[in-house]
Amino acid sequence: MTTNTQTTTRNQVDAGYETSKFALGVGMTMAALVGLWGTACLASALVSAGPLNLLQGYFTAIIG
């Protein structure tokens, strides 16, 4: 006679780990979007004002 045994396993989810993983992903995505937006703004300023005027404005803003 054969006996069939059935085992079940339950996967437990660590809610804190999953939440922090999601938050890290959202934070990294937002940082990438901010970086892309800053690069686009810098490229736009280079095209519209020119590199020398951009450097002059940068130094004027720092020095006064």
C-alpha atoms as a PDB file:
ATOM      1  CA  MET A   1       0.000   0.000   0.000  1.00  0.00           C
ATOM      2  CA  THR A   2       1.300   3.435  -0.867  1.00  0.00           C
ATOM      3  CA  THR A   3       0.622   6.502   1.135  1.00  0.00           C
ATOM      4  CA  ASN A   4       0.411   9.837  -0.602  1.00  0.00           C
ATOM      5  CA  THR A   5       1.476  12.768   1.494  1.00  0.00           C
ATOM      6  CA  GLN A   6       0.964  16.323   0.476  1.00  0.00           C
ATOM      7  CA  THR A   7       3.028  19.168   1.822  1.00  0.00           C
ATOM      8  CA  THR A   8       2.164  22.797   1.547  1.00  0.00           C
ATOM      9  CA  THR A   9       4.534  25.682   2.023  1.00  0.00           C
ATOM     10  CA  ARG A  10       3.546  29.233   2.683  1.00  0.00           C
ATOM     11  CA  ASN A  11       5.582  32.121   1.428  1.00  0.00           C
ATOM     12  CA  GLN A  12       5.717  34.903   3.953  1.00  0.00           C
ATOM     13  CA  VAL A  13       6.289  38.391   2.685  1.00  0.00           C
ATOM     14  CA  ASP A  14       8.301  40.849   4.720  1.00  0.00           C
ATOM     15  CA  ALA A  15       6.206  44.003   4.367  1.00  0.00           C
ATOM     16  CA  GLY A  16       8.959  46.311   5.608  1.00  0.00           C
ATOM     17  CA  TYR A  17      11.427  45.004   3.035  1.00  0.00           C
ATOM     18  CA  GLU A  18       8.921  45.258   0.200  1.00  0.00           C
ATOM     19  CA  THR A  19       7.927  48.782   1.208  1.00  0.00           C
ATOM     20  CA  SER A  20      11.513  50.001   1.410  1.00  0.00           C
ATOM     21  CA  LYS A  21      12.313  48.338  -1.911  1.00  0.00           C
ATOM     22  CA  PHE A  22       9.384  50.157  -3.530  1.00  0.00           C
ATOM     23  CA  ALA A  23      10.352  53.478  -1.923  1.00  0.00           C
ATOM     24  CA  LEU A  24      13.935  53.092  -3.110  1.00  0.00           C
ATOM     25  CA  GLY A  25      12.730  52.406  -6.649  1.00  0.00           C
ATOM     26  CA  VAL A  26      10.473  55.467  -6.604  1.00  0.00           C
ATOM     27  CA  GLY A  27      13.277  57.626  -5.207  1.00  0.00           C
ATOM     28  CA  MET A  28      15.741  56.461  -7.843  1.00  0.00           C
ATOM     29  CA  THR A  29      13.205  57.084 -10.601  1.00  0.00           C
ATOM     30  CA  MET A  30      12.495  60.596  -9.349  1.00  0.00           C
ATOM     31  CA  ALA A  31      16.230  61.344  -9.077  1.00  0.00           C
ATOM     32  CA  ALA A  32      16.722  60.193 -12.665  1.00  0.00           C
ATOM     33  CA  LEU A  33      13.855  62.407 -13.855  1.00  0.00           C
ATOM     34  CA  VAL A  34      15.271  65.433 -12.028  1.00  0.00           C
ATOM     35  CA  GLY A  35      18.692  64.768 -13.547  1.00  0.00           C
ATOM     36  CA  LEU A  36      17.249  64.489 -17.044  1.00  0.00           C
ATOM     37  CA  TRP A  37      15.248  67.682 -16.566  1.00  0.00           C
ATOM     38  CA  GLY A  38      18.341  69.549 -15.336  1.00  0.00           C
ATOM     39  CA  THR A  39      20.345  68.330 -18.325  1.00  0.00           C
ATOM     40  CA  ALA A  40      17.586  69.446 -20.695  1.00  0.00           C
ATOM     41  CA  CYS A  41      17.501  72.886 -19.052  1.00  0.00           C
ATOM     42  CA  LEU A  42      21.281  73.233 -19.302  1.00  0.00           C
ATOM     43  CA  ALA A  43      21.233  72.226 -22.971  1.00  0.00           C
ATOM     44  CA  SER A  44      18.454  74.747 -23.615  1.00  0.00           C
ATOM     45  CA  ALA A  45      20.459  77.514 -21.938  1.00  0.00           C
ATOM     46  CA  LEU A  46      23.536  76.610 -23.970  1.00  0.00           C
ATOM     47  CA  VAL A  47      21.565  76.813 -27.210  1.00  0.00           C
ATOM     48  CA  SER A  48      19.713  80.036 -26.438  1.00  0.00           C
ATOM     49  CA  ALA A  49      22.432  82.070 -24.682  1.00  0.00           C
ATOM     50  CA  GLY A  50      25.666  80.451 -25.814  1.00  0.00           C
ATOM     51  CA  PRO A  51      28.362  78.853 -23.693  1.00  0.00           C
ATOM     52  CA  LEU A  52      30.306  82.047 -22.943  1.00  0.00           C
ATOM     53  CA  ASN A  53      27.241  83.974 -21.792  1.00  0.00           C
ATOM     54  CA  LEU A  54      26.231  80.989 -19.694  1.00  0.00           C
ATOM     55  CA  LEU A  55      29.641  80.921 -17.962  1.00  0.00           C
ATOM     56  CA  GLN A  56      29.540  84.699 -17.475  1.00  0.00           C
ATOM     57  CA  GLY A  57      26.100  84.462 -15.883  1.00  0.00           C
ATOM     58  CA  TYR A  58      27.240  81.587 -13.670  1.00  0.00           C
ATOM     59  CA  PHE A  59      30.270  83.474 -12.370  1.00  0.00           C
ATOM     60  CA  THR A  60      28.223  86.651 -11.932  1.00  0.00           C
ATOM     61  CA  ALA A  61      25.694  84.724  -9.846  1.00  0.00           C
ATOM     62  CA  ILE A  62      28.452  83.283  -7.622  1.00  0.00           C
ATOM     63  CA  ILE A  63      30.681  86.339  -7.248  1.00  0.00           C
ATOM     64  CA  GLY A  64      28.004  89.021  -7.417  1.00  0.00           C
END
